[in-house]
Amino acid sequence: MGKISAKYHKADGSRTSFFVVNRRKGFKTFLSKEHAELARCYQMILYAAGYAPKVHSEVGRITIGIHPKTNKPMLSQWGYVVQKVRTLGCSDSAGGCDCERCECARYDYEEQIENQCAHAEGDTGIRIGDRHIGNFGLMDGRLVVLDTGVETFQEY
């Protein structure tokens, strides 16, 4: 992976972070290199079937700022570059947010999320277990899975 720097930090999930790289791409981080590799694999399979945003890089680390004391670049956790898409809820939607945007998204998309997950499982064999609005977004008007971390594929 070439040299990439984040423009700014956008959101955190329970075990991941998302950094904006540019207008169309972001960098998803994970707890370990192994988790990032597994998530990338799931995302590539789901993308090929139309259920997830495009993966744009191998697993690596990016510069996320300059350390204030050493003045040296700080590196992110392990992750990969992905296509940015519009999220359904707010930046805290994974935490059970009750804001108006999240409440509307839950009401508007709950049935579509269930249907999308059933179709994804039938088409790819991948069962999506963590089905809250924070794990889904809209890409070209289609519902897609955003979180491909290991916890997304566990039963809830």
C-alpha atoms as a PDB file:
ATOM      1  CA  MET A   1       0.000   0.000   0.000  1.00  0.00           C
ATOM      2  CA  GLY A   2       1.378   3.414  -0.942  1.00  0.00           C
ATOM      3  CA  LYS A   3       1.748   6.387   1.393  1.00  0.00           C
ATOM      4  CA  ILE A   4      -1.695   7.664   2.434  1.00  0.00           C
ATOM      5  CA  SER A   5      -2.657  10.288   5.001  1.00  0.00           C
ATOM      6  CA  ALA A   6      -6.085  10.834   6.522  1.00  0.00           C
ATOM      7  CA  LYS A   7      -7.691  14.238   6.131  1.00  0.00           C
ATOM      8  CA  TYR A   8      -9.758  13.761   9.295  1.00  0.00           C
ATOM      9  CA  HIS A   9     -11.337  11.175  11.604  1.00  0.00           C
ATOM     10  CA  LYS A  10     -15.029  10.652  10.892  1.00  0.00           C
ATOM     11  CA  ALA A  11     -16.568   7.934  13.044  1.00  0.00           C
ATOM     12  CA  ASP A  12     -15.980   5.045  15.416  1.00  0.00           C
ATOM     13  CA  GLY A  13     -17.761   1.737  15.657  1.00  0.00           C
ATOM     14  CA  SER A  14     -17.430  -0.636  18.569  1.00  0.00           C
ATOM     15  CA  ARG A  15     -14.109  -1.998  17.257  1.00  0.00           C
ATOM     16  CA  THR A  16     -13.333   0.126  14.202  1.00  0.00           C
ATOM     17  CA  SER A  17     -12.627   3.696  13.126  1.00  0.00           C
ATOM     18  CA  PHE A  18     -13.166   5.454   9.816  1.00  0.00           C
ATOM     19  CA  PHE A  19     -10.842   8.159   8.494  1.00  0.00           C
ATOM     20  CA  VAL A  20     -11.610  10.282   5.453  1.00  0.00           C
ATOM     21  CA  VAL A  21      -8.840  10.042   2.848  1.00  0.00           C
ATOM     22  CA  ASN A  22     -10.483  12.165   0.153  1.00  0.00           C
ATOM     23  CA  ARG A  23     -13.929  13.000  -1.235  1.00  0.00           C
ATOM     24  CA  ARG A  24     -14.608   9.456  -2.436  1.00  0.00           C
ATOM     25  CA  LYS A  25     -12.489   7.219  -0.209  1.00  0.00           C
ATOM     26  CA  GLY A  26     -12.010   6.443   3.454  1.00  0.00           C
ATOM     27  CA  PHE A  27      -9.819   4.182   5.550  1.00  0.00           C
ATOM     28  CA  LYS A  28     -11.423   1.595   7.871  1.00  0.00           C
ATOM     29  CA  THR A  29      -9.336   0.403  10.823  1.00  0.00           C
ATOM     30  CA  PHE A  30      -9.587  -2.765  12.905  1.00  0.00           C
ATOM     31  CA  LEU A  31      -8.143  -4.119  16.154  1.00  0.00           C
ATOM     32  CA  SER A  32      -5.462  -6.210  14.427  1.00  0.00           C
ATOM     33  CA  LYS A  33      -3.972  -7.008  11.057  1.00  0.00           C
ATOM     34  CA  GLU A  34      -5.769 -10.364  11.098  1.00  0.00           C
ATOM     35  CA  HIS A  35      -9.149  -8.713  11.724  1.00  0.00           C
ATOM     36  CA  ALA A  36      -8.477  -6.257   8.891  1.00  0.00           C
ATOM     37  CA  GLU A  37      -7.558  -9.082   6.490  1.00  0.00           C
ATOM     38  CA  LEU A  38     -10.722 -11.011   7.364  1.00  0.00           C
ATOM     39  CA  ALA A  39     -12.935  -7.907   7.049  1.00  0.00           C
ATOM     40  CA  ARG A  40     -11.352  -7.056   3.683  1.00  0.00           C
ATOM     41  CA  CYS A  41     -12.034 -10.589   2.447  1.00  0.00           C
ATOM     42  CA  TYR A  42     -15.715 -10.406   3.490  1.00  0.00           C
ATOM     43  CA  GLN A  43     -16.064  -6.940   1.960  1.00  0.00           C
ATOM     44  CA  MET A  44     -14.544  -7.995  -1.359  1.00  0.00           C
ATOM     45  CA  ILE A  45     -16.968 -10.933  -1.610  1.00  0.00           C
ATOM     46  CA  LEU A  46     -19.935  -8.730  -0.701  1.00  0.00           C
ATOM     47  CA  TYR A  47     -18.797  -5.980  -3.114  1.00  0.00           C
ATOM     48  CA  ALA A  48     -18.517  -8.455  -6.004  1.00  0.00           C
ATOM     49  CA  ALA A  49     -22.176  -9.367  -5.410  1.00  0.00           C
ATOM     50  CA  GLY A  50     -23.273  -5.707  -5.028  1.00  0.00           C
ATOM     51  CA  TYR A  51     -23.755  -5.697  -1.252  1.00  0.00           C
ATOM     52  CA  ALA A  52     -20.817  -3.564  -0.024  1.00  0.00           C
ATOM     53  CA  PRO A  53     -18.683  -0.577  -1.065  1.00  0.00           C
ATOM     54  CA  LYS A  54     -15.594  -1.152  -3.206  1.00  0.00           C
ATOM     55  CA  VAL A  55     -12.246  -2.018  -1.605  1.00  0.00           C
ATOM     56  CA  HIS A  56      -9.411   0.154  -2.974  1.00  0.00           C
ATOM     57  CA  SER A  57      -6.293  -1.235  -1.263  1.00  0.00           C
ATOM     58  CA  GLU A  58      -4.526  -4.069   0.451  1.00  0.00           C
ATOM     59  CA  VAL A  59      -4.387  -4.085   4.256  1.00  0.00           C
ATOM     60  CA  GLY A  60      -1.938  -1.565   5.673  1.00  0.00           C
ATOM     61  CA  ARG A  61      -1.629   1.485   7.911  1.00  0.00           C
ATOM     62  CA  ILE A  62      -1.912   5.201   7.137  1.00  0.00           C
ATOM     63  CA  THR A  63      -0.625   8.420   8.662  1.00  0.00           C
ATOM     64  CA  ILE A  64      -3.306   9.953  10.896  1.00  0.00           C
ATOM     65  CA  GLY A  65      -1.404  12.946  12.202  1.00  0.00           C
ATOM     66  CA  ILE A  66       1.840  14.178  13.708  1.00  0.00           C
ATOM     67  CA  HIS A  67       2.753  13.250  17.273  1.00  0.00           C
ATOM     68  CA  PRO A  68       2.862  16.514  19.278  1.00  0.00           C
ATOM     69  CA  LYS A  69       5.929  15.572  21.353  1.00  0.00           C
ATOM     70  CA  THR A  70       8.096  13.736  18.808  1.00  0.00           C
ATOM     71  CA  ASN A  71       6.900  15.578  15.690  1.00  0.00           C
ATOM     72  CA  LYS A  72       6.874  12.196  13.877  1.00  0.00           C
ATOM     73  CA  PRO A  73       3.965  10.737  11.892  1.00  0.00           C
ATOM     74  CA  MET A  74       1.416   8.709  13.888  1.00  0.00           C
ATOM     75  CA  LEU A  75       0.114   5.569  12.221  1.00  0.00           C
ATOM     76  CA  SER A  76      -3.408   4.196  12.314  1.00  0.00           C
ATOM     77  CA  GLN A  77      -4.336   0.693  13.319  1.00  0.00           C
ATOM     78  CA  TRP A  78      -4.430  -1.877  10.485  1.00  0.00           C
ATOM     79  CA  GLY A  79      -7.082  -1.343   7.820  1.00  0.00           C
ATOM     80  CA  TYR A  80      -7.781  -0.679   4.162  1.00  0.00           C
ATOM     81  CA  VAL A  81      -9.128   2.003   1.820  1.00  0.00           C
ATOM     82  CA  VAL A  82     -12.784   1.773   0.804  1.00  0.00           C
ATOM     83  CA  GLN A  83     -15.329   3.710  -1.209  1.00  0.00           C
ATOM     84  CA  LYS A  84     -17.175   6.288   0.924  1.00  0.00           C
ATOM     85  CA  VAL A  85     -20.950   6.033   1.036  1.00  0.00           C
ATOM     86  CA  ARG A  86     -23.752   7.846   2.847  1.00  0.00           C
ATOM     87  CA  THR A  87     -24.544   6.294   6.227  1.00  0.00           C
ATOM     88  CA  LEU A  88     -28.144   5.676   7.288  1.00  0.00           C
ATOM     89  CA  GLY A  89     -27.821   7.054  10.811  1.00  0.00           C
ATOM     90  CA  CYS A  90     -25.666   9.632  12.541  1.00  0.00           C
ATOM     91  CA  SER A  91     -22.041   9.065  13.546  1.00  0.00           C
ATOM     92  CA  ASP A  92     -23.221   7.489  16.834  1.00  0.00           C
ATOM     93  CA  SER A  93     -25.785   5.126  15.284  1.00  0.00           C
ATOM     94  CA  ALA A  94     -23.853   2.054  16.446  1.00  0.00           C
ATOM     95  CA  GLY A  95     -24.273   3.159  20.053  1.00  0.00           C
ATOM     96  CA  GLY A  96     -28.066   3.033  20.120  1.00  0.00           C
ATOM     97  CA  CYS A  97     -28.585   6.701  19.332  1.00  0.00           C
ATOM     98  CA  ASP A  98     -32.146   8.025  19.591  1.00  0.00           C
ATOM     99  CA  CYS A  99     -31.704  11.181  17.496  1.00  0.00           C
ATOM    100  CA  GLU A 100     -34.300  11.976  14.838  1.00  0.00           C
ATOM    101  CA  ARG A 101     -32.060  10.874  11.957  1.00  0.00           C
ATOM    102  CA  CYS A 102     -31.440   7.454  13.530  1.00  0.00           C
ATOM    103  CA  GLU A 103     -35.079   6.965  14.519  1.00  0.00           C
ATOM    104  CA  CYS A 104     -36.203   7.772  10.962  1.00  0.00           C
ATOM    105  CA  ALA A 105     -33.571   5.458   9.467  1.00  0.00           C
ATOM    106  CA  ARG A 106     -34.654   2.585  11.739  1.00  0.00           C
ATOM    107  CA  TYR A 107     -38.275   3.087  10.684  1.00  0.00           C
ATOM    108  CA  ASP A 108     -37.472   3.542   6.967  1.00  0.00           C
ATOM    109  CA  TYR A 109     -34.879   0.787   6.535  1.00  0.00           C
ATOM    110  CA  GLU A 110     -35.569  -1.993   9.065  1.00  0.00           C
ATOM    111  CA  GLU A 111     -37.428  -4.225   6.586  1.00  0.00           C
ATOM    112  CA  GLN A 112     -35.007  -3.438   3.733  1.00  0.00           C
ATOM    113  CA  ILE A 113     -32.040  -4.378   5.934  1.00  0.00           C
ATOM    114  CA  GLU A 114     -33.615  -7.745   6.739  1.00  0.00           C
ATOM    115  CA  ASN A 115     -34.368  -8.390   3.053  1.00  0.00           C
ATOM    116  CA  GLN A 116     -30.875  -7.287   1.983  1.00  0.00           C
ATOM    117  CA  CYS A 117     -29.262  -9.604   4.527  1.00  0.00           C
ATOM    118  CA  ALA A 118     -31.355 -12.558   3.344  1.00  0.00           C
ATOM    119  CA  HIS A 119     -30.421 -11.871  -0.294  1.00  0.00           C
ATOM    120  CA  ALA A 120     -26.733 -11.424   0.585  1.00  0.00           C
ATOM    121  CA  GLU A 121     -26.693 -14.737   2.424  1.00  0.00           C
ATOM    122  CA  GLY A 122     -28.374 -16.496  -0.492  1.00  0.00           C
ATOM    123  CA  ASP A 123     -26.021 -14.952  -3.068  1.00  0.00           C
ATOM    124  CA  THR A 124     -22.719 -15.144  -1.158  1.00  0.00           C
ATOM    125  CA  GLY A 125     -23.218 -17.610   1.702  1.00  0.00           C
ATOM    126  CA  ILE A 126     -22.253 -14.859   4.165  1.00  0.00           C
ATOM    127  CA  ARG A 127     -24.703 -14.399   7.050  1.00  0.00           C
ATOM    128  CA  ILE A 128     -24.842 -10.860   8.416  1.00  0.00           C
ATOM    129  CA  GLY A 129     -25.765 -11.038  12.101  1.00  0.00           C
ATOM    130  CA  ASP A 130     -25.251  -7.485  13.389  1.00  0.00           C
ATOM    131  CA  ARG A 131     -28.089  -5.685  11.594  1.00  0.00           C
ATOM    132  CA  HIS A 132     -28.334  -2.214  13.131  1.00  0.00           C
ATOM    133  CA  ILE A 133     -28.504   0.928  10.988  1.00  0.00           C
ATOM    134  CA  GLY A 134     -24.928   1.902  11.866  1.00  0.00           C
ATOM    135  CA  ASN A 135     -23.710  -1.054   9.793  1.00  0.00           C
ATOM    136  CA  PHE A 136     -25.528  -0.034   6.592  1.00  0.00           C
ATOM    137  CA  GLY A 137     -25.394   2.818   4.121  1.00  0.00           C
ATOM    138  CA  LEU A 138     -26.534   3.919   0.679  1.00  0.00           C
ATOM    139  CA  MET A 139     -24.337   3.564  -2.413  1.00  0.00           C
ATOM    140  CA  ASP A 140     -25.821   4.779  -5.702  1.00  0.00           C
ATOM    141  CA  GLY A 141     -29.274   4.521  -4.095  1.00  0.00           C
ATOM    142  CA  ARG A 142     -28.725   0.889  -3.000  1.00  0.00           C
ATOM    143  CA  LEU A 143     -28.506  -0.384   0.558  1.00  0.00           C
ATOM    144  CA  VAL A 144     -25.017  -1.778   1.347  1.00  0.00           C
ATOM    145  CA  VAL A 145     -23.195  -3.326   4.310  1.00  0.00           C
ATOM    146  CA  LEU A 146     -20.590  -0.960   5.759  1.00  0.00           C
ATOM    147  CA  ASP A 147     -19.239  -2.963   8.670  1.00  0.00           C
ATOM    148  CA  THR A 148     -17.485  -6.145   7.617  1.00  0.00           C
ATOM    149  CA  GLY A 149     -15.666  -6.658  10.915  1.00  0.00           C
ATOM    150  CA  VAL A 150     -15.788 -10.064  12.569  1.00  0.00           C
ATOM    151  CA  GLU A 151     -18.599  -9.055  14.966  1.00  0.00           C
ATOM    152  CA  THR A 152     -20.935  -8.308  12.030  1.00  0.00           C
ATOM    153  CA  PHE A 153     -20.991 -11.969  11.093  1.00  0.00           C
ATOM    154  CA  GLN A 154     -21.770 -13.290  14.567  1.00  0.00           C
ATOM    155  CA  GLU A 155     -25.289 -14.084  15.733  1.00  0.00           C
ATOM    156  CA  TYR A 156     -27.050 -11.362  17.751  1.00  0.00           C
END
